[in-house]
Amino acid sequence: QETVFAMLVEITERTMAHCGQSDVLVVGGVGCNVRLQEMMSAMVAERGGRAFCTDERFCIDNGAMIAWTGLLQFQHGQTVTVSEADCT
């Protein structure tokens, strides 16, 4: 767990630097893990930012919801090329 969380924190820190962000929102299935929240909060504090860690109501595995939304959009002709896609 510690190694995987360290990797997630490092990737998040790189992404924040690349996008010029100082705050982070921790959600998703793994987001309810207190140790990940602690590690993410420490990293963000070192950068002068804020970590927003949600409670169990918002820390659910949302991969299936994202996939379903993508399928519905595709079925309705809503597509985006990779070059047009943004990540925030």
C-alpha atoms as a PDB file:
ATOM      1  CA  GLN A   1       0.000   0.000   0.000  1.00  0.00           C
ATOM      2  CA  GLU A   2       2.718   2.477   0.946  1.00  0.00           C
ATOM      3  CA  THR A   3       4.595   1.985  -2.333  1.00  0.00           C
ATOM      4  CA  VAL A   4       1.499   2.334  -4.492  1.00  0.00           C
ATOM      5  CA  PHE A   5       0.386   5.440  -2.625  1.00  0.00           C
ATOM      6  CA  ALA A   6       3.856   6.954  -2.959  1.00  0.00           C
ATOM      7  CA  MET A   7       3.592   6.426  -6.713  1.00  0.00           C
ATOM      8  CA  LEU A   8       0.143   8.047  -6.817  1.00  0.00           C
ATOM      9  CA  VAL A   9       1.398  11.030  -4.832  1.00  0.00           C
ATOM     10  CA  GLU A  10       4.436  11.436  -7.111  1.00  0.00           C
ATOM     11  CA  ILE A  11       2.327  11.297 -10.266  1.00  0.00           C
ATOM     12  CA  THR A  12      -0.131  13.767  -8.781  1.00  0.00           C
ATOM     13  CA  GLU A  13       2.694  16.135  -7.851  1.00  0.00           C
ATOM     14  CA  ARG A  14       4.101  16.001 -11.388  1.00  0.00           C
ATOM     15  CA  THR A  15       0.679  16.619 -12.872  1.00  0.00           C
ATOM     16  CA  MET A  16       0.076  19.573 -10.561  1.00  0.00           C
ATOM     17  CA  ALA A  17       3.405  21.095 -11.602  1.00  0.00           C
ATOM     18  CA  HIS A  18       2.686  20.507 -15.289  1.00  0.00           C
ATOM     19  CA  CYS A  19      -0.792  22.065 -15.048  1.00  0.00           C
ATOM     20  CA  GLY A  20       0.207  24.876 -12.684  1.00  0.00           C
ATOM     21  CA  GLN A  21      -2.143  23.744  -9.924  1.00  0.00           C
ATOM     22  CA  SER A  22      -1.599  23.952  -6.170  1.00  0.00           C
ATOM     23  CA  ASP A  23      -4.737  22.193  -4.904  1.00  0.00           C
ATOM     24  CA  VAL A  24      -5.860  18.600  -5.298  1.00  0.00           C
ATOM     25  CA  LEU A  25      -9.188  16.800  -4.882  1.00  0.00           C
ATOM     26  CA  VAL A  26      -8.932  13.204  -3.633  1.00  0.00           C
ATOM     27  CA  VAL A  27     -11.904  11.082  -4.754  1.00  0.00           C
ATOM     28  CA  GLY A  28     -12.654   7.650  -6.160  1.00  0.00           C
ATOM     29  CA  GLY A  29     -12.586   4.225  -4.574  1.00  0.00           C
ATOM     30  CA  VAL A  30      -9.079   4.552  -3.187  1.00  0.00           C
ATOM     31  CA  GLY A  31      -9.764   8.117  -2.062  1.00  0.00           C
ATOM     32  CA  CYS A  32     -11.400   6.951   1.161  1.00  0.00           C
ATOM     33  CA  ASN A  33      -8.111   5.458   2.367  1.00  0.00           C
ATOM     34  CA  VAL A  34      -6.912   7.594   5.280  1.00  0.00           C
ATOM     35  CA  ARG A  35      -3.234   6.873   4.618  1.00  0.00           C
ATOM     36  CA  LEU A  36      -3.494   8.100   1.017  1.00  0.00           C
ATOM     37  CA  GLN A  37      -5.271  11.219   2.250  1.00  0.00           C
ATOM     38  CA  GLU A  38      -2.448  11.840   4.747  1.00  0.00           C
ATOM     39  CA  MET A  39       0.268  11.384   2.140  1.00  0.00           C
ATOM     40  CA  MET A  40      -1.497  13.546  -0.430  1.00  0.00           C
ATOM     41  CA  SER A  41      -2.159  16.269   2.161  1.00  0.00           C
ATOM     42  CA  ALA A  42       1.524  16.336   3.179  1.00  0.00           C
ATOM     43  CA  MET A  43       2.687  16.680  -0.434  1.00  0.00           C
ATOM     44  CA  VAL A  44       0.215  19.440  -1.194  1.00  0.00           C
ATOM     45  CA  ALA A  45       1.106  21.325   1.999  1.00  0.00           C
ATOM     46  CA  GLU A  46       4.780  21.297   0.953  1.00  0.00           C
ATOM     47  CA  ARG A  47       3.699  22.966  -2.317  1.00  0.00           C
ATOM     48  CA  GLY A  48       1.642  25.588  -0.465  1.00  0.00           C
ATOM     49  CA  GLY A  49      -1.650  24.168  -1.660  1.00  0.00           C
ATOM     50  CA  ARG A  50      -4.695  22.497  -0.238  1.00  0.00           C
ATOM     51  CA  ALA A  51      -5.891  18.897  -0.344  1.00  0.00           C
ATOM     52  CA  PHE A  52      -9.622  18.343  -0.425  1.00  0.00           C
ATOM     53  CA  CYS A  53     -10.353  14.811   0.773  1.00  0.00           C
ATOM     54  CA  THR A  54     -13.991  13.808   0.528  1.00  0.00           C
ATOM     55  CA  ASP A  55     -15.896  11.420   2.741  1.00  0.00           C
ATOM     56  CA  GLU A  56     -17.295   8.001   1.818  1.00  0.00           C
ATOM     57  CA  ARG A  57     -20.282   9.496  -0.025  1.00  0.00           C
ATOM     58  CA  PHE A  58     -17.981  10.639  -2.823  1.00  0.00           C
ATOM     59  CA  CYS A  59     -15.241   8.010  -2.542  1.00  0.00           C
ATOM     60  CA  ILE A  60     -16.750   5.305  -4.693  1.00  0.00           C
ATOM     61  CA  ASP A  61     -15.236   3.443  -7.595  1.00  0.00           C
ATOM     62  CA  ASN A  62     -16.328   5.602 -10.505  1.00  0.00           C
ATOM     63  CA  GLY A  63     -14.617   3.727 -13.353  1.00  0.00           C
ATOM     64  CA  ALA A  64     -17.874   2.038 -14.381  1.00  0.00           C
ATOM     65  CA  MET A  65     -19.712   5.374 -14.332  1.00  0.00           C
ATOM     66  CA  ILE A  66     -17.066   6.968 -16.560  1.00  0.00           C
ATOM     67  CA  ALA A  67     -17.183   4.036 -18.981  1.00  0.00           C
ATOM     68  CA  TRP A  68     -20.997   4.122 -19.125  1.00  0.00           C
ATOM     69  CA  THR A  69     -20.999   7.866 -19.809  1.00  0.00           C
ATOM     70  CA  GLY A  70     -18.443   7.349 -22.584  1.00  0.00           C
ATOM     71  CA  LEU A  71     -20.553   4.615 -24.147  1.00  0.00           C
ATOM     72  CA  LEU A  72     -23.668   6.795 -24.081  1.00  0.00           C
ATOM     73  CA  GLN A  73     -21.803   9.691 -25.654  1.00  0.00           C
ATOM     74  CA  PHE A  74     -20.376   7.424 -28.361  1.00  0.00           C
ATOM     75  CA  GLN A  75     -23.817   5.972 -29.119  1.00  0.00           C
ATOM     76  CA  HIS A  76     -25.132   9.513 -29.569  1.00  0.00           C
ATOM     77  CA  GLY A  77     -22.336  10.507 -31.925  1.00  0.00           C
ATOM     78  CA  GLN A  78     -20.389  12.584 -29.418  1.00  0.00           C
ATOM     79  CA  THR A  79     -16.716  11.851 -29.964  1.00  0.00           C
ATOM     80  CA  VAL A  80     -13.478  13.720 -29.267  1.00  0.00           C
ATOM     81  CA  THR A  81     -10.143  13.093 -30.925  1.00  0.00           C
ATOM     82  CA  VAL A  82      -7.120  12.625 -28.695  1.00  0.00           C
ATOM     83  CA  SER A  83      -5.670  15.933 -29.857  1.00  0.00           C
ATOM     84  CA  GLU A  84      -8.885  17.707 -28.802  1.00  0.00           C
ATOM     85  CA  ALA A  85      -9.091  16.078 -25.373  1.00  0.00           C
ATOM     86  CA  ASP A  86      -8.122  18.063 -22.281  1.00  0.00           C
ATOM     87  CA  CYS A  87      -7.088  16.904 -18.862  1.00  0.00           C
ATOM     88  CA  THR A  88      -7.470  19.205 -15.865  1.00  0.00           C
END
